[in-house]
Amino acid sequence: MATRKRLSPEESRLAALEAARSLLIETGPQSVTLKAVAGRIGRTHANLLHHFGSAAGLQKALAGHLAEAVCATIADAVRASRAGLGSPREVVDLAFDAFDKEGAGALASWMILTGNEDALTPIVETIHELVDEIAPEEAAHSGNATQVHEETLALVLMAMGDALIGSALARSLGLPATAARDRAERMLVRSLEAVTPPA
């Protein structure tokens, strides 16, 4: 009989968040429960209650976990794009995938619909931290520190909306499934062209 590895509190918490993330992607936000996550990682319901306090606490922690991972990746992509090593499309795809394929859009919507009013707080705060981190770099390019705030707002709203209704709406309007991503890419390209000094 195999013995269960003793995890530190931080390792146990991280394992729970990764299991919750897998459940979110595989079967949707309604499946992110303490019982399901505990079963996935071979822990007890009480163990997860200790870490998260409630299912809503687990979901809020998961939202923060997703936002941190995605924002770190987006920050790297933004810097690579500014350095000519990446493309605006990569930044767009990362943002859209976070809300669609990674489940952040569905999770946020589910939490709001089930009465967890502060559901978006970790996502909003993490995005705000990302913007504050890259805004000085942006200001150095454009002389306008608020430009990155405006672009981030538009990109996140487009990504969230696309995750929730984009495919059906694009199909209804006779547009390709990538229409919102294409539009977001054009927005970022125009922004880059506006701040890039002529050769």
Protein backbone atom coordinates (compact mmCIF):
# COMPACT_ATOMS: atom_id res chain seq x y z
CA MET A 1 0.00 0.00 0.00
CA ALA A 2 1.50 3.32 -1.08
CA THR A 3 1.90 5.99 1.56
CA ARG A 4 0.69 9.46 0.79
CA LYS A 5 3.45 12.06 0.56
CA ARG A 6 3.27 14.69 3.27
CA LEU A 7 3.03 18.09 1.62
CA SER A 8 3.87 21.44 3.12
CA PRO A 9 0.86 23.75 3.52
CA GLU A 10 1.98 25.73 0.46
CA GLU A 11 2.49 22.57 -1.63
CA SER A 12 -0.92 21.28 -0.55
CA ARG A 13 -2.56 24.58 -1.45
CA LEU A 14 -0.84 24.70 -4.84
CA ALA A 15 -1.82 21.07 -5.59
CA ALA A 16 -5.44 21.96 -4.78
CA LEU A 17 -5.35 25.01 -7.06
CA GLU A 18 -3.85 23.00 -9.93
CA ALA A 19 -6.52 20.30 -9.45
CA ALA A 20 -9.21 22.99 -9.37
CA ARG A 21 -7.78 24.47 -12.57
CA SER A 22 -7.93 21.06 -14.27
CA LEU A 23 -11.53 20.54 -13.16
CA LEU A 24 -12.43 24.03 -14.41
CA ILE A 25 -11.00 23.34 -17.86
CA GLU A 26 -12.32 19.77 -18.14
CA THR A 27 -15.86 20.12 -16.81
CA GLY A 28 -16.60 23.79 -16.09
CA PRO A 29 -16.80 26.07 -13.06
CA GLN A 30 -19.72 24.26 -11.44
CA SER A 31 -17.41 21.29 -10.82
CA VAL A 32 -14.88 23.30 -8.79
CA THR A 33 -16.06 22.14 -5.37
CA LEU A 34 -14.12 21.29 -2.24
CA LYS A 35 -15.23 17.65 -2.48
CA ALA A 36 -14.22 17.27 -6.13
CA VAL A 37 -10.83 18.93 -5.63
CA ALA A 38 -10.15 16.91 -2.46
CA GLY A 39 -10.95 13.70 -4.37
CA ARG A 40 -8.69 14.72 -7.24
CA ILE A 41 -5.64 15.22 -5.00
CA GLY A 42 -6.34 12.50 -2.42
CA ARG A 43 -6.95 14.87 0.48
CA THR A 44 -9.87 15.38 2.80
CA HIS A 45 -12.65 17.92 2.58
CA ALA A 46 -11.49 19.22 5.97
CA ASN A 47 -7.97 19.76 4.63
CA LEU A 48 -9.31 22.00 1.86
CA LEU A 49 -11.61 23.82 4.28
CA HIS A 50 -8.50 24.62 6.32
CA HIS A 51 -6.80 26.17 3.27
CA PHE A 52 -9.72 27.96 1.60
CA GLY A 53 -12.55 28.24 4.14
CA SER A 54 -15.32 27.45 1.63
CA ALA A 55 -16.01 26.58 -2.00
CA ALA A 56 -16.29 30.31 -2.70
CA GLY A 57 -12.88 30.80 -1.08
CA LEU A 58 -11.43 28.05 -3.27
CA GLN A 59 -12.92 29.63 -6.39
CA LYS A 60 -11.61 33.07 -5.44
CA ALA A 61 -8.14 31.62 -4.82
CA LEU A 62 -8.35 29.84 -8.17
CA ALA A 63 -9.25 33.11 -9.90
CA GLY A 64 -6.20 34.73 -8.33
CA HIS A 65 -4.00 31.76 -9.26
CA LEU A 66 -5.15 31.88 -12.89
CA ALA A 67 -4.74 35.65 -13.07
CA GLU A 68 -1.19 35.56 -11.67
CA ALA A 69 -0.06 32.87 -14.11
CA VAL A 70 -1.69 34.54 -17.10
CA CYS A 71 -0.50 38.05 -16.24
CA ALA A 72 3.08 36.88 -15.82
CA THR A 73 2.94 35.30 -19.28
CA ILE A 74 1.28 38.36 -20.81
CA ALA A 75 3.88 40.67 -19.23
CA ASP A 76 6.66 38.62 -20.83
CA ALA A 77 4.84 38.68 -24.18
CA VAL A 78 4.30 42.47 -24.00
CA ARG A 79 8.00 43.03 -23.29
CA ALA A 80 8.99 40.67 -26.11
CA SER A 81 6.63 42.48 -28.48
CA ARG A 82 8.08 45.88 -27.51
CA ALA A 83 11.58 44.50 -28.07
CA GLY A 84 10.62 43.20 -31.51
CA LEU A 85 10.87 39.56 -30.36
CA GLY A 86 7.16 38.81 -30.32
CA SER A 87 3.99 39.94 -31.96
CA PRO A 88 0.85 41.76 -30.82
CA ARG A 89 -1.09 38.64 -31.86
CA GLU A 90 0.76 36.59 -29.26
CA VAL A 91 -0.33 39.05 -26.55
CA VAL A 92 -3.92 38.93 -27.83
CA ASP A 93 -3.99 35.13 -28.00
CA LEU A 94 -2.64 34.81 -24.45
CA ALA A 95 -5.31 37.16 -23.10
CA PHE A 96 -8.15 35.53 -25.04
CA ASP A 97 -6.99 32.01 -24.18
CA ALA A 98 -6.89 32.91 -20.48
CA PHE A 99 -10.58 33.77 -20.51
CA ASP A 100 -11.61 31.02 -22.93
CA LYS A 101 -9.42 27.89 -22.90
CA GLU A 102 -8.12 28.45 -19.37
CA GLY A 103 -11.65 29.05 -18.08
CA ALA A 104 -11.24 32.43 -16.38
CA GLY A 105 -14.29 33.88 -18.15
CA ALA A 106 -16.54 30.97 -17.20
CA LEU A 107 -15.23 30.96 -13.62
CA ALA A 108 -15.80 34.69 -13.15
CA SER A 109 -19.32 34.47 -14.60
CA TRP A 110 -20.20 31.44 -12.48
CA MET A 111 -18.98 33.09 -9.29
CA ILE A 112 -20.97 36.25 -9.97
CA LEU A 113 -24.12 34.29 -10.81
CA THR A 114 -23.82 32.24 -7.61
CA GLY A 115 -23.57 35.35 -5.45
CA ASN A 116 -19.83 35.56 -4.91
CA GLU A 117 -19.79 39.32 -5.53
CA ASP A 118 -16.06 39.79 -4.97
CA ALA A 119 -15.30 37.09 -7.53
CA LEU A 120 -13.49 39.39 -9.91
CA THR A 121 -11.35 41.06 -7.25
CA PRO A 122 -8.27 38.81 -7.64
CA ILE A 123 -8.43 39.00 -11.43
CA VAL A 124 -8.92 42.77 -11.48
CA GLU A 125 -6.20 43.38 -8.88
CA THR A 126 -3.68 41.16 -10.67
CA ILE A 127 -4.37 42.82 -14.03
CA HIS A 128 -4.03 46.22 -12.33
CA GLU A 129 -0.66 45.18 -10.91
CA LEU A 130 0.46 44.05 -14.38
CA VAL A 131 -0.61 47.37 -15.90
CA ASP A 132 1.14 49.34 -13.16
CA GLU A 133 4.27 47.29 -13.77
CA ILE A 134 4.39 47.85 -17.53
CA ALA A 135 2.87 51.37 -17.65
CA PRO A 136 6.20 53.13 -16.94
CA GLU A 137 7.77 51.16 -19.81
CA GLU A 138 4.82 52.16 -22.00
CA ALA A 139 5.15 55.80 -21.00
CA ALA A 140 8.79 55.70 -22.07
CA HIS A 141 7.61 54.57 -25.53
CA SER A 142 4.61 56.83 -25.93
CA GLY A 143 4.81 59.56 -23.34
CA ASN A 144 1.28 58.53 -22.33
CA ALA A 145 1.04 56.28 -19.26
CA THR A 146 -2.75 55.94 -19.57
CA GLN A 147 -2.56 54.38 -23.02
CA VAL A 148 -1.66 50.95 -21.63
CA HIS A 149 -4.55 51.22 -19.16
CA GLU A 150 -7.01 51.90 -21.98
CA GLU A 151 -5.62 49.10 -24.14
CA THR A 152 -5.71 46.66 -21.24
CA LEU A 153 -9.31 47.55 -20.45
CA ALA A 154 -10.35 47.04 -24.08
CA LEU A 155 -8.37 43.80 -24.43
CA VAL A 156 -9.75 42.25 -21.22
CA LEU A 157 -13.34 43.24 -22.02
CA MET A 158 -13.00 41.84 -25.53
CA ALA A 159 -11.44 38.61 -24.25
CA MET A 160 -14.10 38.14 -21.56
CA GLY A 161 -16.96 38.85 -23.97
CA ASP A 162 -15.47 36.59 -26.60
CA ALA A 163 -15.14 33.74 -24.09
CA LEU A 164 -18.80 34.05 -23.12
CA ILE A 165 -20.60 34.78 -26.40
CA GLY A 166 -18.01 35.46 -29.09
CA SER A 167 -18.29 32.25 -31.08
CA ALA A 168 -22.10 32.31 -31.32
CA LEU A 169 -22.22 36.05 -32.05
CA ALA A 170 -19.52 35.89 -34.73
CA ARG A 171 -21.34 32.97 -36.39
CA SER A 172 -24.65 34.87 -36.26
CA LEU A 173 -23.03 37.92 -37.87
CA GLY A 174 -21.35 35.85 -40.56
CA LEU A 175 -17.87 36.64 -39.22
CA PRO A 176 -14.97 34.27 -38.69
CA ALA A 177 -14.58 32.79 -35.19
CA THR A 178 -11.38 34.82 -34.79
CA ALA A 179 -13.08 38.17 -35.51
CA ALA A 180 -12.70 39.58 -31.98
CA ARG A 181 -9.08 38.44 -31.75
CA ASP A 182 -8.38 39.97 -35.14
CA ARG A 183 -9.91 43.26 -34.01
CA ALA A 184 -7.88 43.25 -30.78
CA GLU A 185 -4.71 42.55 -32.75
CA ARG A 186 -5.40 45.53 -35.05
CA MET A 187 -5.90 47.71 -31.97
CA LEU A 188 -2.49 46.73 -30.56
CA VAL A 189 -0.75 47.07 -33.92
CA ARG A 190 -2.15 50.60 -34.35
CA SER A 191 -0.96 51.42 -30.84
CA LEU A 192 2.54 50.16 -31.59
CA GLU A 193 2.66 52.12 -34.84
CA ALA A 194 1.60 55.28 -33.01
CA VAL A 195 4.43 55.03 -30.48
CA THR A 196 7.23 53.70 -32.68
CA PRO A 197 9.46 56.53 -33.82
CA PRO A 198 10.12 56.69 -37.56
CA ALA A 199 13.38 55.12 -38.73
